[in-house]
Each structure stands twice: as structure tokens, then as C-alpha cells.
Amino acid sequence: MSQVQATLHLEDQLCFPLYAASRMIIQAYREPLEALGLTYPQYLVMMTLWEKDGQAVNEIGKKLFLDSGTLTPLLKRLEASSLIKRIRSEADERRVEIELTFQGKSLKSKAAGIPAMILETLNSWESQELNSLKFELEKLVATLNQT
């Protein structure tokens, strides 16, 4: 078998286990997030706002590695659900800030148990293993973000 043929085997790919694990983790979030009326990408936006309310759209996009074409429809749906409000800056009309509504702030307490639920699905992993995996994945993201 040639070198090119060998590299085209699914089991030899780094991307496939990352892809499969990502899909499975997101699937684990589906049920608890449906109870809150959120999709996984919307949950990520809400988490950034629960950490720091009143962020510009481009700040949120940078944190989540999302371009405005992907982020804008997410924000519109969250606004239609009365979880956020978009406020155009008076000083610079190009700048749009995102603020949580009362309903959006209230949702934080309902979402508080979700991380523990997800960790429970990974109960065969030691916390040190999970921390190590997270560190390595963050390193991978940082490396790929530089290219």
C-alpha cells in the first residue's frame, strides 16, 4: 500500500475522533438544553454573556470562533426568544452590543446544573484525565487559530 493510500484511512485521521467526540458531546447537551429552549451554539453565546454581560458582537465572535454570518442569526433567534437585546452604539453605529434581558439572566440559574450532568456522562474518566484532555484541546485550538 502506498503512503498516500495509507493516509486516507479513517482510523489514521486525527480529525475523525475529534469530530465524533464533538458530535457525541453536543448530543449529550441536547436534552437539557431543549428544556431551556436553547441549541448548543445559543448556549455558548449565553455562557459568554453570563460571564460578562454587555459585549460587542465581534467580542462574542472572537471568543466562540464564529464569524458574523454565523453569529448574527444566532443572536436574532436569542433576541426573538427575549433572552438578549441588541443595542447599537450611539458613538459608533457599526458597533452592536449584546445585553441579557431579565429572562436571559434568569436562565443562568436553570442552566447551572448542566455542566455537572455532562460530567456525569463522562464518569469513567478521572478529573485529572479530563483536565489534561481539555488542556491539550485548548493547545490544539490555539495552534490551529494561528494558521
C-alpha atoms as a PDB file:
ATOM      1  CA  MET A   1       0.000   0.000   0.000  1.00  0.00           C
ATOM      2  CA  SER A   2       1.380   3.417  -0.925  1.00  0.00           C
ATOM      3  CA  GLN A   3       1.936   6.218   1.614  1.00  0.00           C
ATOM      4  CA  VAL A   4      -0.916   8.251   0.077  1.00  0.00           C
ATOM      5  CA  GLN A   5      -3.364   5.328   0.367  1.00  0.00           C
ATOM      6  CA  ALA A   6      -2.344   4.704   3.983  1.00  0.00           C
ATOM      7  CA  THR A   7      -3.050   8.333   4.946  1.00  0.00           C
ATOM      8  CA  LEU A   8      -6.586   8.095   3.590  1.00  0.00           C
ATOM      9  CA  HIS A   9      -7.742   5.525   6.157  1.00  0.00           C
ATOM     10  CA  LEU A  10     -10.340   6.880   8.534  1.00  0.00           C
ATOM     11  CA  GLU A  11      -8.666   5.318  11.566  1.00  0.00           C
ATOM     12  CA  ASP A  12      -5.422   7.164  10.726  1.00  0.00           C
ATOM     13  CA  GLN A  13      -7.060  10.580  10.842  1.00  0.00           C
ATOM     14  CA  LEU A  14      -6.761  12.949  13.799  1.00  0.00           C
ATOM     15  CA  CYS A  15      -9.861  14.816  12.676  1.00  0.00           C
ATOM     16  CA  PHE A  16     -12.260  11.882  12.886  1.00  0.00           C
ATOM     17  CA  PRO A  17     -12.111  11.119  16.635  1.00  0.00           C
ATOM     18  CA  LEU A  18     -12.321  14.872  17.308  1.00  0.00           C
ATOM     19  CA  TYR A  19     -15.356  15.134  15.028  1.00  0.00           C
ATOM     20  CA  ALA A  20     -17.051  12.072  16.520  1.00  0.00           C
ATOM     21  CA  ALA A  21     -16.381  13.153  20.117  1.00  0.00           C
ATOM     22  CA  SER A  22     -17.645  16.668  19.379  1.00  0.00           C
ATOM     23  CA  ARG A  23     -20.886  15.338  17.893  1.00  0.00           C
ATOM     24  CA  MET A  24     -21.411  12.992  20.836  1.00  0.00           C
ATOM     25  CA  ILE A  25     -20.739  15.676  23.453  1.00  0.00           C
ATOM     26  CA  ILE A  26     -23.123  18.075  21.713  1.00  0.00           C
ATOM     27  CA  GLN A  27     -25.698  15.262  21.588  1.00  0.00           C
ATOM     28  CA  ALA A  28     -25.338  14.849  25.363  1.00  0.00           C
ATOM     29  CA  TYR A  29     -26.215  18.538  25.755  1.00  0.00           C
ATOM     30  CA  ARG A  30     -29.295  18.300  23.522  1.00  0.00           C
ATOM     31  CA  GLU A  31     -31.878  17.128  26.066  1.00  0.00           C
ATOM     32  CA  PRO A  32     -31.002  19.501  28.931  1.00  0.00           C
ATOM     33  CA  LEU A  33     -30.727  22.425  26.517  1.00  0.00           C
ATOM     34  CA  GLU A  34     -34.063  21.629  24.867  1.00  0.00           C
ATOM     35  CA  ALA A  35     -35.641  22.005  28.312  1.00  0.00           C
ATOM     36  CA  LEU A  36     -34.251  25.565  28.321  1.00  0.00           C
ATOM     37  CA  GLY A  37     -35.256  26.255  24.728  1.00  0.00           C
ATOM     38  CA  LEU A  38     -31.632  26.578  23.588  1.00  0.00           C
ATOM     39  CA  THR A  39     -29.474  24.982  20.948  1.00  0.00           C
ATOM     40  CA  TYR A  40     -25.846  24.226  21.752  1.00  0.00           C
ATOM     41  CA  PRO A  41     -24.499  27.280  19.828  1.00  0.00           C
ATOM     42  CA  GLN A  42     -27.062  29.501  21.590  1.00  0.00           C
ATOM     43  CA  TYR A  43     -25.940  28.033  24.925  1.00  0.00           C
ATOM     44  CA  LEU A  44     -22.351  29.007  24.113  1.00  0.00           C
ATOM     45  CA  VAL A  45     -23.439  32.596  23.392  1.00  0.00           C
ATOM     46  CA  MET A  46     -25.422  32.708  26.618  1.00  0.00           C
ATOM     47  CA  MET A  47     -22.447  31.403  28.614  1.00  0.00           C
ATOM     48  CA  THR A  48     -20.232  34.191  27.268  1.00  0.00           C
ATOM     49  CA  LEU A  49     -22.882  36.727  28.297  1.00  0.00           C
ATOM     50  CA  TRP A  50     -23.412  35.154  31.724  1.00  0.00           C
ATOM     51  CA  GLU A  51     -19.673  35.587  32.279  1.00  0.00           C
ATOM     52  CA  LYS A  52     -19.712  39.219  31.099  1.00  0.00           C
ATOM     53  CA  ASP A  53     -22.881  40.989  30.059  1.00  0.00           C
ATOM     54  CA  GLY A  54     -22.824  43.821  27.517  1.00  0.00           C
ATOM     55  CA  GLN A  55     -20.312  42.530  24.979  1.00  0.00           C
ATOM     56  CA  ALA A  56     -19.909  43.658  21.400  1.00  0.00           C
ATOM     57  CA  VAL A  57     -20.878  41.170  18.706  1.00  0.00           C
ATOM     58  CA  ASN A  58     -17.274  40.915  17.498  1.00  0.00           C
ATOM     59  CA  GLU A  59     -16.068  40.124  21.059  1.00  0.00           C
ATOM     60  CA  ILE A  60     -18.505  37.225  21.300  1.00  0.00           C
ATOM     61  CA  GLY A  61     -17.497  36.042  17.831  1.00  0.00           C
ATOM     62  CA  LYS A  62     -13.804  36.035  18.784  1.00  0.00           C
ATOM     63  CA  LYS A  63     -14.431  34.025  21.950  1.00  0.00           C
ATOM     64  CA  LEU A  64     -16.540  31.440  20.115  1.00  0.00           C
ATOM     65  CA  PHE A  65     -14.528  31.398  16.857  1.00  0.00           C
ATOM     66  CA  LEU A  66     -17.657  32.389  14.921  1.00  0.00           C
ATOM     67  CA  ASP A  67     -17.878  34.867  12.073  1.00  0.00           C
ATOM     68  CA  SER A  68     -20.663  37.448  11.950  1.00  0.00           C
ATOM     69  CA  GLY A  69     -22.512  35.476   9.255  1.00  0.00           C
ATOM     70  CA  THR A  70     -22.922  32.591  11.697  1.00  0.00           C
ATOM     71  CA  LEU A  71     -23.317  34.652  14.866  1.00  0.00           C
ATOM     72  CA  THR A  72     -25.917  37.165  13.635  1.00  0.00           C
ATOM     73  CA  PRO A  73     -28.703  34.581  13.031  1.00  0.00           C
ATOM     74  CA  LEU A  74     -27.977  33.056  16.465  1.00  0.00           C
ATOM     75  CA  LEU A  75     -28.318  36.458  18.087  1.00  0.00           C
ATOM     76  CA  LYS A  76     -31.526  37.205  16.194  1.00  0.00           C
ATOM     77  CA  ARG A  77     -33.085  33.953  17.452  1.00  0.00           C
ATOM     78  CA  LEU A  78     -31.984  34.685  21.032  1.00  0.00           C
ATOM     79  CA  GLU A  79     -33.472  38.173  20.711  1.00  0.00           C
ATOM     80  CA  ALA A  80     -36.729  36.741  19.318  1.00  0.00           C
ATOM     81  CA  SER A  81     -36.819  34.475  22.401  1.00  0.00           C
ATOM     82  CA  SER A  82     -36.454  37.607  24.599  1.00  0.00           C
ATOM     83  CA  LEU A  83     -33.173  36.369  26.103  1.00  0.00           C
ATOM     84  CA  ILE A  84     -30.975  39.176  24.779  1.00  0.00           C
ATOM     85  CA  LYS A  85     -31.283  42.639  23.324  1.00  0.00           C
ATOM     86  CA  ARG A  86     -29.048  44.174  20.686  1.00  0.00           C
ATOM     87  CA  ILE A  87     -28.076  47.784  21.293  1.00  0.00           C
ATOM     88  CA  ARG A  88     -26.398  49.851  18.593  1.00  0.00           C
ATOM     89  CA  SER A  89     -23.711  52.159  19.948  1.00  0.00           C
ATOM     90  CA  GLU A  90     -24.527  55.851  19.664  1.00  0.00           C
ATOM     91  CA  ALA A  91     -20.823  56.674  19.354  1.00  0.00           C
ATOM     92  CA  ASP A  92     -20.198  54.132  16.557  1.00  0.00           C
ATOM     93  CA  GLU A  93     -23.223  52.808  14.690  1.00  0.00           C
ATOM     94  CA  ARG A  94     -21.183  49.847  13.430  1.00  0.00           C
ATOM     95  CA  ARG A  95     -20.765  48.578  16.997  1.00  0.00           C
ATOM     96  CA  VAL A  96     -23.615  46.458  18.343  1.00  0.00           C
ATOM     97  CA  GLU A  97     -23.586  45.432  21.980  1.00  0.00           C
ATOM     98  CA  ILE A  98     -25.438  42.419  23.290  1.00  0.00           C
ATOM     99  CA  GLU A  99     -27.078  42.567  26.690  1.00  0.00           C
ATOM    100  CA  LEU A 100     -29.020  39.956  28.584  1.00  0.00           C
ATOM    101  CA  THR A 101     -32.661  40.610  29.328  1.00  0.00           C
ATOM    102  CA  PHE A 102     -34.133  39.749  32.722  1.00  0.00           C
ATOM    103  CA  GLN A 103     -35.316  36.466  31.187  1.00  0.00           C
ATOM    104  CA  GLY A 104     -31.806  35.782  29.850  1.00  0.00           C
ATOM    105  CA  LYS A 105     -30.238  36.466  33.234  1.00  0.00           C
ATOM    106  CA  SER A 106     -32.830  34.241  34.935  1.00  0.00           C
ATOM    107  CA  LEU A 107     -31.989  31.359  32.613  1.00  0.00           C
ATOM    108  CA  LYS A 108     -28.488  31.144  34.129  1.00  0.00           C
ATOM    109  CA  SER A 109     -29.752  29.530  37.335  1.00  0.00           C
ATOM    110  CA  LYS A 110     -31.725  26.979  35.307  1.00  0.00           C
ATOM    111  CA  ALA A 111     -28.604  26.118  33.281  1.00  0.00           C
ATOM    112  CA  ALA A 112     -26.309  25.869  36.301  1.00  0.00           C
ATOM    113  CA  GLY A 113     -26.661  22.077  36.622  1.00  0.00           C
ATOM    114  CA  ILE A 114     -25.877  21.252  33.002  1.00  0.00           C
ATOM    115  CA  PRO A 115     -22.056  21.005  33.318  1.00  0.00           C
ATOM    116  CA  ALA A 116     -22.415  18.504  36.179  1.00  0.00           C
ATOM    117  CA  MET A 117     -24.877  16.459  34.105  1.00  0.00           C
ATOM    118  CA  ILE A 118     -22.363  16.302  31.253  1.00  0.00           C
ATOM    119  CA  LEU A 119     -19.549  15.338  33.625  1.00  0.00           C
ATOM    120  CA  GLU A 120     -21.760  12.535  34.924  1.00  0.00           C
ATOM    121  CA  THR A 121     -21.896  11.067  31.404  1.00  0.00           C
ATOM    122  CA  LEU A 122     -18.083  11.027  31.488  1.00  0.00           C
ATOM    123  CA  ASN A 123     -17.936   9.351  34.907  1.00  0.00           C
ATOM    124  CA  SER A 124     -15.452   6.700  33.742  1.00  0.00           C
ATOM    125  CA  TRP A 125     -12.868   9.483  33.306  1.00  0.00           C
ATOM    126  CA  GLU A 126     -10.824  10.800  36.209  1.00  0.00           C
ATOM    127  CA  SER A 127     -10.926  14.573  36.673  1.00  0.00           C
ATOM    128  CA  GLN A 128      -7.166  14.703  36.001  1.00  0.00           C
ATOM    129  CA  GLU A 129      -7.719  12.975  32.641  1.00  0.00           C
ATOM    130  CA  LEU A 130     -10.470  15.429  31.715  1.00  0.00           C
ATOM    131  CA  ASN A 131      -8.313  18.402  32.728  1.00  0.00           C
ATOM    132  CA  SER A 132      -5.425  17.043  30.688  1.00  0.00           C
ATOM    133  CA  LEU A 133      -7.669  16.479  27.657  1.00  0.00           C
ATOM    134  CA  LYS A 134      -9.097  19.999  27.957  1.00  0.00           C
ATOM    135  CA  PHE A 135      -5.578  21.453  28.175  1.00  0.00           C
ATOM    136  CA  GLU A 136      -4.432  19.551  25.084  1.00  0.00           C
ATOM    137  CA  LEU A 137      -7.545  20.559  23.122  1.00  0.00           C
ATOM    138  CA  GLU A 138      -7.057  24.215  24.087  1.00  0.00           C
ATOM    139  CA  LYS A 139      -3.450  23.925  22.885  1.00  0.00           C
ATOM    140  CA  LEU A 140      -4.674  22.412  19.604  1.00  0.00           C
ATOM    141  CA  VAL A 141      -7.217  25.219  19.129  1.00  0.00           C
ATOM    142  CA  ALA A 142      -4.548  27.845  19.819  1.00  0.00           C
ATOM    143  CA  THR A 143      -2.198  26.225  17.300  1.00  0.00           C
ATOM    144  CA  LEU A 144      -4.875  25.981  14.626  1.00  0.00           C
ATOM    145  CA  ASN A 145      -6.013  29.547  15.305  1.00  0.00           C
ATOM    146  CA  GLN A 146      -2.521  30.799  14.408  1.00  0.00           C
ATOM    147  CA  THR A 147      -2.584  29.281  10.929  1.00  0.00           C
END
